[in-house]
C-alpha atoms as a PDB file:
ATOM      1  CA  MET A   1     -26.966   3.145  58.834  1.00  0.00           C
ATOM      2  CA  GLN A   2     -23.720   1.609  57.724  1.00  0.00           C
ATOM      3  CA  LEU A   3     -21.990  -1.556  59.040  1.00  0.00           C
ATOM      4  CA  GLN A   4     -18.753   0.373  59.568  1.00  0.00           C
ATOM      5  CA  GLN A   5     -20.690   2.935  61.826  1.00  0.00           C
ATOM      6  CA  LEU A   6     -22.064  -0.125  63.942  1.00  0.00           C
ATOM      7  CA  ALA A   7     -18.578  -1.614  64.156  1.00  0.00           C
ATOM      8  CA  TYR A   8     -17.315   1.847  65.576  1.00  0.00           C
ATOM      9  CA  PHE A   9     -20.212   1.968  67.942  1.00  0.00           C
ATOM     10  CA  VAL A  10     -19.652  -1.600  69.379  1.00  0.00           C
ATOM     11  CA  ALA A  11     -15.739  -0.816  69.609  1.00  0.00           C
ATOM     12  CA  VAL A  12     -16.498   2.295  71.682  1.00  0.00           C
ATOM     13  CA  ALA A  13     -19.077   0.568  73.881  1.00  0.00           C
ATOM     14  CA  GLU A  14     -16.828  -2.146  74.676  1.00  0.00           C
ATOM     15  CA  ALA A  15     -13.714  -0.090  75.261  1.00  0.00           C
ATOM     16  CA  ARG A  16     -15.723   2.753  76.925  1.00  0.00           C
ATOM     17  CA  HIS A  17     -13.239   4.958  75.439  1.00  0.00           C
ATOM     18  CA  PHE A  18     -13.045   6.829  72.098  1.00  0.00           C
ATOM     19  CA  THR A  19      -9.269   6.929  71.730  1.00  0.00           C
ATOM     20  CA  GLN A  20      -8.886   3.297  72.582  1.00  0.00           C
ATOM     21  CA  ALA A  21     -11.611   2.288  70.332  1.00  0.00           C
ATOM     22  CA  ALA A  22     -10.246   4.145  67.413  1.00  0.00           C
ATOM     23  CA  GLU A  23      -6.773   2.481  68.046  1.00  0.00           C
ATOM     24  CA  ARG A  24      -8.668  -0.865  68.096  1.00  0.00           C
ATOM     25  CA  MET A  25     -10.343  -0.066  64.716  1.00  0.00           C
ATOM     26  CA  ARG A  26      -7.063   1.487  63.334  1.00  0.00           C
ATOM     27  CA  VAL A  27      -8.748   4.713  62.370  1.00  0.00           C
ATOM     28  CA  ALA A  28      -8.292   8.320  63.484  1.00  0.00           C
ATOM     29  CA  GLN A  29     -10.134   9.379  66.626  1.00  0.00           C
ATOM     30  CA  PRO A  30     -11.819  12.324  64.827  1.00  0.00           C
ATOM     31  CA  SER A  31     -13.210  10.089  62.007  1.00  0.00           C
ATOM     32  CA  LEU A  32     -14.443   7.656  64.456  1.00  0.00           C
ATOM     33  CA  SER A  33     -16.237  10.334  66.442  1.00  0.00           C
ATOM     34  CA  LYS A  34     -17.647  11.974  63.353  1.00  0.00           C
ATOM     35  CA  GLN A  35     -19.064   8.408  62.474  1.00  0.00           C
ATOM     36  CA  ILE A  36     -20.649   7.894  65.790  1.00  0.00           C
ATOM     37  CA  LYS A  37     -22.121  11.427  65.599  1.00  0.00           C
ATOM     38  CA  ALA A  38     -23.685  10.602  62.141  1.00  0.00           C
ATOM     39  CA  LEU A  39     -25.246   7.415  63.637  1.00  0.00           C
ATOM     40  CA  GLU A  40     -26.671   9.281  66.555  1.00  0.00           C
ATOM     41  CA  ALA A  41     -28.149  11.847  64.002  1.00  0.00           C
ATOM     42  CA  GLU A  42     -29.561   9.300  61.816  1.00  0.00           C
ATOM     43  CA  LEU A  43     -31.137   7.469  64.850  1.00  0.00           C
ATOM     44  CA  GLY A  44     -32.414  10.646  66.439  1.00  0.00           C
ATOM     45  CA  ALA A  45     -30.952   9.801  69.885  1.00  0.00           C
ATOM     46  CA  PRO A  46     -27.504   9.925  71.698  1.00  0.00           C
ATOM     47  CA  LEU A  47     -25.896   6.603  72.063  1.00  0.00           C
ATOM     48  CA  PHE A  48     -23.178   7.621  74.517  1.00  0.00           C
ATOM     49  CA  SER A  49     -22.928   9.888  77.781  1.00  0.00           C
ATOM     50  CA  ARG A  50     -19.723  11.823  77.787  1.00  0.00           C
ATOM     51  CA  ALA A  51     -19.331  13.170  81.367  1.00  0.00           C
ATOM     52  CA  ARG A  52     -15.869  14.119  82.753  1.00  0.00           C
ATOM     53  CA  GLY A  53     -14.182  11.710  80.503  1.00  0.00           C
ATOM     54  CA  ASN A  54     -16.337   8.922  81.354  1.00  0.00           C
ATOM     55  CA  VAL A  55     -18.171   7.323  78.305  1.00  0.00           C
ATOM     56  CA  THR A  56     -21.215   5.358  79.207  1.00  0.00           C
ATOM     57  CA  LEU A  57     -24.063   3.915  77.217  1.00  0.00           C
ATOM     58  CA  THR A  58     -27.357   5.921  77.133  1.00  0.00           C
ATOM     59  CA  PRO A  59     -30.732   3.818  77.101  1.00  0.00           C
ATOM     60  CA  ALA A  60     -30.691   4.173  73.345  1.00  0.00           C
ATOM     61  CA  GLY A  61     -27.220   2.804  73.219  1.00  0.00           C
ATOM     62  CA  GLU A  62     -28.130  -0.124  75.486  1.00  0.00           C
ATOM     63  CA  ALA A  63     -30.935  -0.992  73.314  1.00  0.00           C
ATOM     64  CA  LEU A  64     -28.758  -0.821  70.115  1.00  0.00           C
ATOM     65  CA  LEU A  65     -25.685  -2.807  71.371  1.00  0.00           C
ATOM     66  CA  PRO A  66     -27.086  -6.219  71.114  1.00  0.00           C
ATOM     67  CA  LEU A  67     -28.715  -5.559  67.792  1.00  0.00           C
ATOM     68  CA  ALA A  68     -25.629  -4.057  66.411  1.00  0.00           C
ATOM     69  CA  ARG A  69     -23.551  -7.022  67.430  1.00  0.00           C
ATOM     70  CA  ARG A  70     -25.926  -9.414  65.774  1.00  0.00           C
ATOM     71  CA  MET A  71     -25.986  -7.447  62.633  1.00  0.00           C
ATOM     72  CA  LEU A  72     -22.101  -7.359  62.431  1.00  0.00           C
ATOM     73  CA  ALA A  73     -22.120 -11.208  62.983  1.00  0.00           C
ATOM     74  CA  ASP A  74     -24.667 -11.728  60.393  1.00  0.00           C
ATOM     75  CA  ALA A  75     -22.556  -9.613  58.103  1.00  0.00           C
ATOM     76  CA  GLU A  76     -19.631 -11.651  58.720  1.00  0.00           C
ATOM     77  CA  THR A  77     -21.595 -14.899  58.279  1.00  0.00           C
ATOM     78  CA  ALA A  78     -22.816 -13.695  54.931  1.00  0.00           C
ATOM     79  CA  ARG A  79     -19.222 -12.790  53.757  1.00  0.00           C
ATOM     80  CA  SER A  80     -18.151 -16.311  54.762  1.00  0.00           C
ATOM     81  CA  GLU A  81     -20.865 -18.084  52.936  1.00  0.00           C
ATOM     82  CA  VAL A  82     -20.452 -15.935  49.870  1.00  0.00           C
ATOM     83  CA  GLY A  83     -16.816 -16.793  49.906  1.00  0.00           C
ATOM     84  CA  GLU A  84     -17.510 -20.376  50.108  1.00  0.00           C
ATOM     85  CA  LEU A  85     -19.908 -20.187  47.166  1.00  0.00           C
ATOM     86  CA  ALA A  86     -17.438 -18.231  45.081  1.00  0.00           C
ATOM     87  CA  GLY A  87     -16.140 -21.469  43.721  1.00  0.00           C
ATOM     88  CA  LEU A  88     -19.590 -22.621  42.571  1.00  0.00           C
ATOM     89  CA  ARG A  89     -19.161 -23.302  38.800  1.00  0.00           C
ATOM     90  CA  ARG A  90     -22.180 -25.660  37.855  1.00  0.00           C
ATOM     91  CA  GLY A  91     -25.534 -26.281  38.919  1.00  0.00           C
ATOM     92  CA  ARG A  92     -29.097 -25.117  38.212  1.00  0.00           C
ATOM     93  CA  VAL A  93     -31.699 -22.788  39.944  1.00  0.00           C
ATOM     94  CA  ARG A  94     -35.328 -23.279  39.383  1.00  0.00           C
ATOM     95  CA  LEU A  95     -37.217 -20.154  40.368  1.00  0.00           C
ATOM     96  CA  GLY A  96     -40.909 -19.339  40.356  1.00  0.00           C
ATOM     97  CA  ALA A  97     -41.973 -15.873  40.377  1.00  0.00           C
ATOM     98  CA  THR A  98     -45.453 -13.919  39.955  1.00  0.00           C
ATOM     99  CA  PRO A  99     -45.731 -11.917  36.644  1.00  0.00           C
ATOM    100  CA  SER A 100     -45.488  -8.662  38.462  1.00  0.00           C
ATOM    101  CA  LEU A 101     -42.069  -9.622  39.785  1.00  0.00           C
ATOM    102  CA  CYS A 102     -41.075 -11.045  36.360  1.00  0.00           C
ATOM    103  CA  ALA A 103     -41.847  -7.761  34.739  1.00  0.00           C
ATOM    104  CA  GLY A 104     -40.278  -5.729  37.374  1.00  0.00           C
ATOM    105  CA  LEU A 105     -37.115  -6.163  39.467  1.00  0.00           C
ATOM    106  CA  LEU A 106     -36.315  -9.866  38.829  1.00  0.00           C
ATOM    107  CA  ALA A 107     -34.605  -9.446  35.526  1.00  0.00           C
ATOM    108  CA  ASP A 108     -31.838  -7.307  37.302  1.00  0.00           C
ATOM    109  CA  ALA A 109     -31.403  -9.581  40.136  1.00  0.00           C
ATOM    110  CA  LEU A 110     -30.957 -12.601  37.641  1.00  0.00           C
ATOM    111  CA  ALA A 111     -28.457 -10.666  35.580  1.00  0.00           C
ATOM    112  CA  ARG A 112     -26.299  -9.992  38.713  1.00  0.00           C
ATOM    113  CA  PHE A 113     -26.379 -13.789  39.637  1.00  0.00           C
ATOM    114  CA  HIS A 114     -25.635 -14.707  36.117  1.00  0.00           C
ATOM    115  CA  HIS A 115     -22.654 -12.484  36.057  1.00  0.00           C
ATOM    116  CA  ALA A 116     -21.428 -13.855  39.386  1.00  0.00           C
ATOM    117  CA  TYR A 117     -22.094 -17.494  38.529  1.00  0.00           C
ATOM    118  CA  PRO A 118     -22.105 -17.913  34.673  1.00  0.00           C
ATOM    119  CA  GLY A 119     -21.979 -21.619  34.963  1.00  0.00           C
ATOM    120  CA  ILE A 120     -25.374 -21.861  36.796  1.00  0.00           C
ATOM    121  CA  GLU A 121     -28.368 -22.754  34.555  1.00  0.00           C
ATOM    122  CA  LEU A 122     -31.271 -20.536  35.254  1.00  0.00           C
ATOM    123  CA  PHE A 123     -34.974 -21.659  34.857  1.00  0.00           C
ATOM    124  CA  VAL A 124     -37.829 -19.235  35.557  1.00  0.00           C
ATOM    125  CA  GLU A 125     -41.503 -20.275  35.837  1.00  0.00           C
ATOM    126  CA  GLU A 126     -43.967 -17.408  35.626  1.00  0.00           C
ATOM    127  CA  GLY A 127     -47.259 -17.861  37.363  1.00  0.00           C
ATOM    128  CA  GLY A 128     -49.887 -17.037  39.835  1.00  0.00           C
ATOM    129  CA  SER A 129     -48.907 -17.583  43.506  1.00  0.00           C
ATOM    130  CA  ARG A 130     -51.200 -20.609  44.267  1.00  0.00           C
ATOM    131  CA  ASP A 131     -49.958 -22.291  40.928  1.00  0.00           C
ATOM    132  CA  LEU A 132     -46.292 -21.711  42.216  1.00  0.00           C
ATOM    133  CA  VAL A 133     -46.952 -23.069  45.737  1.00  0.00           C
ATOM    134  CA  ARG A 134     -48.308 -26.327  44.085  1.00  0.00           C
ATOM    135  CA  THR A 135     -45.334 -26.515  41.648  1.00  0.00           C
ATOM    136  CA  LEU A 136     -42.944 -25.900  44.547  1.00  0.00           C
ATOM    137  CA  ALA A 137     -44.482 -28.667  46.617  1.00  0.00           C
ATOM    138  CA  ARG A 138     -44.159 -31.193  43.714  1.00  0.00           C
ATOM    139  CA  GLY A 139     -40.365 -30.565  43.742  1.00  0.00           C
ATOM    140  CA  GLN A 140     -40.387 -28.780  40.295  1.00  0.00           C
ATOM    141  CA  LEU A 141     -38.907 -25.531  41.769  1.00  0.00           C
ATOM    142  CA  ASP A 142     -36.049 -24.882  44.142  1.00  0.00           C
ATOM    143  CA  LEU A 143     -37.393 -21.435  45.256  1.00  0.00           C
ATOM    144  CA  ALA A 144     -40.498 -19.263  44.654  1.00  0.00           C
ATOM    145  CA  LEU A 145     -41.506 -15.788  45.229  1.00  0.00           C
ATOM    146  CA  ILE A 146     -45.051 -16.267  46.554  1.00  0.00           C
ATOM    147  CA  ILE A 147     -47.804 -14.153  48.061  1.00  0.00           C
ATOM    148  CA  MET A 148     -48.467 -14.347  51.906  1.00  0.00           C
ATOM    149  CA  PRO A 149     -50.268 -15.582  53.768  1.00  0.00           C
ATOM    150  CA  LEU A 150     -50.202 -19.242  52.953  1.00  0.00           C
ATOM    151  CA  HIS A 151     -53.605 -21.060  52.842  1.00  0.00           C
ATOM    152  CA  SER A 152     -54.453 -23.737  55.311  1.00  0.00           C
ATOM    153  CA  ASP A 153     -54.307 -26.290  52.738  1.00  0.00           C
ATOM    154  CA  ASP A 154     -51.007 -25.356  51.317  1.00  0.00           C
ATOM    155  CA  PRO A 155     -48.029 -27.638  51.741  1.00  0.00           C
ATOM    156  CA  ALA A 156     -45.295 -27.149  54.394  1.00  0.00           C
ATOM    157  CA  LEU A 157     -43.001 -24.408  53.213  1.00  0.00           C
ATOM    158  CA  VAL A 158     -40.268 -22.359  54.733  1.00  0.00           C
ATOM    159  CA  THR A 159     -41.011 -18.794  53.865  1.00  0.00           C
ATOM    160  CA  GLU A 160     -39.182 -15.390  54.419  1.00  0.00           C
ATOM    161  CA  GLU A 161     -41.186 -12.403  54.005  1.00  0.00           C
ATOM    162  CA  VAL A 162     -39.027  -9.920  51.806  1.00  0.00           C
ATOM    163  CA  LEU A 163     -41.370  -7.311  50.213  1.00  0.00           C
ATOM    164  CA  ARG A 164     -44.611  -5.580  50.346  1.00  0.00           C
ATOM    165  CA  GLU A 165     -46.249  -4.085  47.271  1.00  0.00           C
ATOM    166  CA  ASN A 166     -49.170  -1.703  46.719  1.00  0.00           C
ATOM    167  CA  LEU A 167     -52.074  -2.545  44.603  1.00  0.00           C
ATOM    168  CA  VAL A 168     -53.650   0.244  42.471  1.00  0.00           C
ATOM    169  CA  VAL A 169     -56.652   0.592  40.058  1.00  0.00           C
ATOM    170  CA  ALA A 170     -55.227   0.467  36.696  1.00  0.00           C
ATOM    171  CA  SER A 171     -57.301   2.331  34.070  1.00  0.00           C
ATOM    172  CA  PRO A 172     -56.653   3.897  30.548  1.00  0.00           C
ATOM    173  CA  SER A 173     -54.660   7.112  30.778  1.00  0.00           C
ATOM    174  CA  THR A 174     -57.201   8.956  28.501  1.00  0.00           C
ATOM    175  CA  THR A 175     -60.257   8.027  30.781  1.00  0.00           C
ATOM    176  CA  ARG A 176     -58.627   8.107  34.182  1.00  0.00           C
ATOM    177  CA  VAL A 177     -60.819  10.120  36.825  1.00  0.00           C
ATOM    178  CA  ARG A 178     -58.244  12.630  38.122  1.00  0.00           C
ATOM    179  CA  LYS A 179     -58.579  11.570  41.890  1.00  0.00           C
ATOM    180  CA  SER A 180     -55.837  11.042  44.389  1.00  0.00           C
ATOM    181  CA  TYR A 181     -57.450   7.768  45.359  1.00  0.00           C
ATOM    182  CA  VAL A 182     -60.354   5.552  44.593  1.00  0.00           C
ATOM    183  CA  ARG A 183     -62.671   3.953  47.167  1.00  0.00           C
ATOM    184  CA  ILE A 184     -63.082   0.110  46.612  1.00  0.00           C
ATOM    185  CA  GLU A 185     -66.982   0.822  46.713  1.00  0.00           C
ATOM    186  CA  GLU A 186     -66.514   2.855  43.450  1.00  0.00           C
ATOM    187  CA  LEU A 187     -65.613  -0.274  41.404  1.00  0.00           C
ATOM    188  CA  ARG A 188     -69.175  -1.464  41.760  1.00  0.00           C
ATOM    189  CA  ARG A 189     -70.308   0.526  38.910  1.00  0.00           C
ATOM    190  CA  ARG A 190     -67.139  -0.042  36.695  1.00  0.00           C
ATOM    191  CA  PRO A 191     -66.632  -3.205  34.696  1.00  0.00           C
ATOM    192  CA  MET A 192     -63.363  -5.117  35.619  1.00  0.00           C
ATOM    193  CA  VAL A 193     -60.871  -7.165  33.699  1.00  0.00           C
ATOM    194  CA  MET A 194     -60.168 -10.211  35.819  1.00  0.00           C
ATOM    195  CA  PHE A 195     -57.160 -12.549  36.030  1.00  0.00           C
ATOM    196  CA  ARG A 196     -57.664 -16.360  35.448  1.00  0.00           C
ATOM    197  CA  ARG A 197     -58.004 -18.606  38.406  1.00  0.00           C
ATOM    198  CA  GLY A 198     -54.937 -19.461  40.240  1.00  0.00           C
ATOM    199  CA  TYR A 199     -53.769 -15.914  40.353  1.00  0.00           C
ATOM    200  CA  ASP A 200     -53.464 -14.346  43.891  1.00  0.00           C
ATOM    201  CA  LEU A 201     -54.607 -11.050  42.374  1.00  0.00           C
ATOM    202  CA  ARG A 202     -57.882 -12.636  41.297  1.00  0.00           C
ATOM    203  CA  GLU A 203     -58.605 -13.606  44.928  1.00  0.00           C
ATOM    204  CA  ALA A 204     -57.322 -10.232  46.464  1.00  0.00           C
ATOM    205  CA  THR A 205     -59.733  -8.412  44.090  1.00  0.00           C
ATOM    206  CA  LEU A 206     -62.738 -10.717  44.718  1.00  0.00           C
ATOM    207  CA  ASN A 207     -62.153 -10.477  48.648  1.00  0.00           C
ATOM    208  CA  ALA A 208     -61.788  -6.655  48.591  1.00  0.00           C
ATOM    209  CA  CYS A 209     -65.040  -6.246  46.674  1.00  0.00           C
ATOM    210  CA  ARG A 210     -66.914  -8.626  48.786  1.00  0.00           C
ATOM    211  CA  GLN A 211     -65.747  -7.049  52.010  1.00  0.00           C
ATOM    212  CA  ALA A 212     -67.249  -3.929  50.544  1.00  0.00           C
ATOM    213  CA  GLY A 213     -70.501  -5.661  49.919  1.00  0.00           C
ATOM    214  CA  PHE A 214     -70.687  -6.411  46.258  1.00  0.00           C
ATOM    215  CA  GLU A 215     -69.619  -8.863  43.593  1.00  0.00           C
ATOM    216  CA  PRO A 216     -67.539  -7.251  40.830  1.00  0.00           C
ATOM    217  CA  ARG A 217     -68.828  -7.233  37.252  1.00  0.00           C
ATOM    218  CA  PHE A 218     -66.243  -8.684  34.760  1.00  0.00           C
ATOM    219  CA  ALA A 219     -66.042  -7.414  31.234  1.00  0.00           C
ATOM    220  CA  VAL A 220     -63.587 -10.006  30.453  1.00  0.00           C
ATOM    221  CA  GLU A 221     -61.661 -12.694  32.751  1.00  0.00           C
ATOM    222  CA  GLY A 222     -59.247 -15.447  32.235  1.00  0.00           C
ATOM    223  CA  GLY A 223     -56.012 -13.426  31.278  1.00  0.00           C
ATOM    224  CA  GLU A 224     -52.397 -13.512  32.375  1.00  0.00           C
ATOM    225  CA  MET A 225     -50.682 -10.283  33.420  1.00  0.00           C
ATOM    226  CA  ASP A 226     -49.846  -8.892  30.007  1.00  0.00           C
ATOM    227  CA  ALA A 227     -53.123  -9.781  28.617  1.00  0.00           C
ATOM    228  CA  VAL A 228     -55.060  -7.934  31.440  1.00  0.00           C
ATOM    229  CA  LEU A 229     -52.969  -4.839  31.072  1.00  0.00           C
ATOM    230  CA  ARG A 230     -53.678  -4.802  27.340  1.00  0.00           C
ATOM    231  CA  PHE A 231     -57.327  -5.252  27.900  1.00  0.00           C
ATOM    232  CA  VAL A 232     -57.383  -2.415  30.254  1.00  0.00           C
ATOM    233  CA  GLU A 233     -55.497  -0.277  27.849  1.00  0.00           C
ATOM    234  CA  ALA A 234     -58.301  -1.111  25.210  1.00  0.00           C
ATOM    235  CA  GLY A 235     -60.854   0.300  27.472  1.00  0.00           C
ATOM    236  CA  LEU A 236     -62.486  -3.015  28.375  1.00  0.00           C
ATOM    237  CA  GLY A 237     -62.561  -2.270  32.057  1.00  0.00           C
ATOM    238  CA  VAL A 238     -60.318  -1.641  35.066  1.00  0.00           C
ATOM    239  CA  ALA A 239     -58.121  -4.026  37.089  1.00  0.00           C
ATOM    240  CA  LEU A 240     -56.313  -4.168  40.466  1.00  0.00           C
ATOM    241  CA  VAL A 241     -52.746  -4.666  39.880  1.00  0.00           C
ATOM    242  CA  PRO A 242     -49.230  -4.007  41.556  1.00  0.00           C
ATOM    243  CA  SER A 243     -48.223  -0.380  40.677  1.00  0.00           C
ATOM    244  CA  MET A 244     -44.831  -1.519  39.525  1.00  0.00           C
ATOM    245  CA  VAL A 245     -46.176  -3.168  36.447  1.00  0.00           C
ATOM    246  CA  LEU A 246     -47.401   0.187  35.136  1.00  0.00           C
ATOM    247  CA  ASP A 247     -43.786   1.430  34.730  1.00  0.00           C
ATOM    248  CA  GLY A 248     -43.132   1.898  30.965  1.00  0.00           C
ATOM    249  CA  ARG A 249     -46.970   1.809  30.051  1.00  0.00           C
ATOM    250  CA  PRO A 250     -47.900   5.263  29.212  1.00  0.00           C
ATOM    251  CA  GLY A 251     -51.343   4.079  28.181  1.00  0.00           C
ATOM    252  CA  LEU A 252     -52.225   3.096  31.691  1.00  0.00           C
ATOM    253  CA  SER A 253     -52.729   5.066  34.993  1.00  0.00           C
ATOM    254  CA  GLY A 254     -52.674   3.776  38.328  1.00  0.00           C
ATOM    255  CA  THR A 255     -54.793   5.321  41.242  1.00  0.00           C
ATOM    256  CA  PRO A 256     -54.225   4.236  44.673  1.00  0.00           C
ATOM    257  CA  LEU A 257     -57.117   2.726  46.757  1.00  0.00           C
ATOM    258  CA  ALA A 258     -58.481   4.798  49.599  1.00  0.00           C
ATOM    259  CA  PRO A 259     -56.262   4.598  52.702  1.00  0.00           C
ATOM    260  CA  PRO A 260     -55.195   2.201  54.122  1.00  0.00           C
ATOM    261  CA  GLY A 261     -55.279   1.009  50.615  1.00  0.00           C
ATOM    262  CA  LEU A 262     -54.556  -2.580  49.601  1.00  0.00           C
ATOM    263  CA  ARG A 263     -51.132  -4.128  49.992  1.00  0.00           C
ATOM    264  CA  ARG A 264     -49.737  -7.701  49.776  1.00  0.00           C
ATOM    265  CA  THR A 265     -46.605  -9.430  51.159  1.00  0.00           C
ATOM    266  CA  ILE A 266     -44.099 -11.233  48.922  1.00  0.00           C
ATOM    267  CA  ALA A 267     -41.936 -14.005  50.441  1.00  0.00           C
ATOM    268  CA  ILE A 268     -39.312 -16.317  49.171  1.00  0.00           C
ATOM    269  CA  ALA A 269     -40.129 -19.964  49.747  1.00  0.00           C
ATOM    270  CA  HIS A 270     -38.794 -23.474  49.697  1.00  0.00           C
ATOM    271  CA  ARG A 271     -40.090 -26.870  50.727  1.00  0.00           C
ATOM    272  CA  LYS A 272     -39.639 -27.510  54.393  1.00  0.00           C
ATOM    273  CA  ASP A 273     -38.518 -31.110  53.940  1.00  0.00           C
ATOM    274  CA  VAL A 274     -35.774 -30.284  51.185  1.00  0.00           C
ATOM    275  CA  GLU A 275     -32.645 -28.223  51.919  1.00  0.00           C
ATOM    276  CA  PRO A 276     -32.126 -25.825  48.974  1.00  0.00           C
ATOM    277  CA  THR A 277     -29.152 -26.578  46.697  1.00  0.00           C
ATOM    278  CA  ARG A 278     -25.963 -24.667  47.088  1.00  0.00           C
ATOM    279  CA  ALA A 279     -26.998 -22.837  43.680  1.00  0.00           C
ATOM    280  CA  ALA A 280     -30.299 -22.065  45.140  1.00  0.00           C
ATOM    281  CA  GLN A 281     -28.789 -20.569  48.279  1.00  0.00           C
ATOM    282  CA  ALA A 282     -26.430 -18.513  46.269  1.00  0.00           C
ATOM    283  CA  PHE A 283     -29.341 -17.015  44.436  1.00  0.00           C
ATOM    284  CA  ARG A 284     -31.314 -16.298  47.665  1.00  0.00           C
ATOM    285  CA  ALA A 285     -28.276 -14.373  48.930  1.00  0.00           C
ATOM    286  CA  THR A 286     -27.762 -12.660  45.744  1.00  0.00           C
ATOM    287  CA  LEU A 287     -31.495 -11.500  45.516  1.00  0.00           C
ATOM    288  CA  LEU A 288     -31.677 -10.268  49.155  1.00  0.00           C
ATOM    289  CA  LEU A 289     -28.403  -8.344  48.735  1.00  0.00           C
ATOM    290  CA  PHE A 290     -29.883  -6.889  45.440  1.00  0.00           C
ATOM    291  CA  LEU A 291     -32.931  -5.940  47.328  1.00  0.00           C
ATOM    292  CA  ALA A 292     -31.204  -4.272  50.190  1.00  0.00           C
ATOM    293  CA  GLU A 293     -29.107  -2.297  47.969  1.00  0.00           C
ATOM    294  CA  ALA A 294     -31.987  -1.191  45.791  1.00  0.00           C
ATOM    295  CA  ALA A 295     -33.816  -0.155  48.999  1.00  0.00           C
ATOM    296  CA  HIS A 296     -30.949   1.802  50.225  1.00  0.00           C
ATOM    297  CA  GLU A 297     -30.324   3.553  46.894  1.00  0.00           C
ATOM    298  CA  GLY A 298     -34.228   4.282  46.429  1.00  0.00           C
ATOM    299  CA  SER A 299     -34.153   2.552  43.169  1.00  0.00           C
ATOM    300  CA  LEU A 300     -36.827  -0.251  44.075  1.00  0.00           C
ATOM    301  CA  PRO A 301     -39.767  -0.220  41.589  1.00  0.00           C
ATOM    302  CA  GLN A 302     -42.638   2.031  42.302  1.00  0.00           C
ATOM    303  CA  GLY A 303     -44.960   0.641  45.003  1.00  0.00           C
ATOM    304  CA  LEU A 304     -42.448  -1.831  46.468  1.00  0.00           C
ATOM    305  CA  ASP A 305     -41.116  -1.625  50.071  1.00  0.00           C
ATOM    306  CA  LEU A 306     -38.484  -3.877  51.543  1.00  0.00           C
ATOM    307  CA  ILE A 307     -39.390  -5.695  54.940  1.00  0.00           C
ATOM    308  CA  ILE A 308     -36.710  -5.291  57.390  1.00  0.00           C
ATOM    309  CA  GLN A 309     -35.878  -8.583  59.056  1.00  0.00           C
ATOM    310  CA  GLY A 310     -35.625  -8.654  62.736  1.00  0.00           C
END
């Protein structure tokens, strides 16, 4: 749905009259009606009852009205905040991110931010989620993209869940068993390439295998993301990785785990006791807008889904 459609909907809901709403929005009445019908078609339910010239909200319309008002208010707030930040000329953003994000969508988001704020210095630290949480807690990062949930011994952070990503079994393209999915139990018989300690992917793999009743057999362990993928390409074993890191690697294939599969949640975090700098706030806004547009256009990397905030 589009913000303009929601604005038209709110105008009609408040005026209870299509022509008056069109005059208020300074648009032709047929155009307004067309947009309302498009919104109803997308939502799959009528929003207004149009009986004998009286316009009233349907139950679906009643449910949508407060949400639409809030979304329009949030959009206006965002426009105001971005306008205030337009004058931002100097500063620094220290960002932490997991290797899968650094290798995937983060470069494009950073490029957009750099274009908008060329005077802001960017520092990116790549690492496992637990390592990033500790670095963030020490005040060495302003923001970090981390894996949820936080552990009980983690420091107090403000987190905002933004993405979910699918994990797949990576194997050499030449030896991949042609299946639509792999059951986690099947990994009992296969050597695995394992990440170093501190990687959330290491813990996710170990937990999945142990819940299936076995300890994984390591062919090699201790690598970073790029090293693990190269080891898999060389035929040393298989590895559980985010599906998006396989883009551009023809030597690797990714097979989903049996439904419901294995997914993890990515959040953007900062320390609870420290307000992010204006530069960091600008980057967060840029990143969220970039993700929303990519999701709308269907250009998010394979295996990534945007979490819609309520």
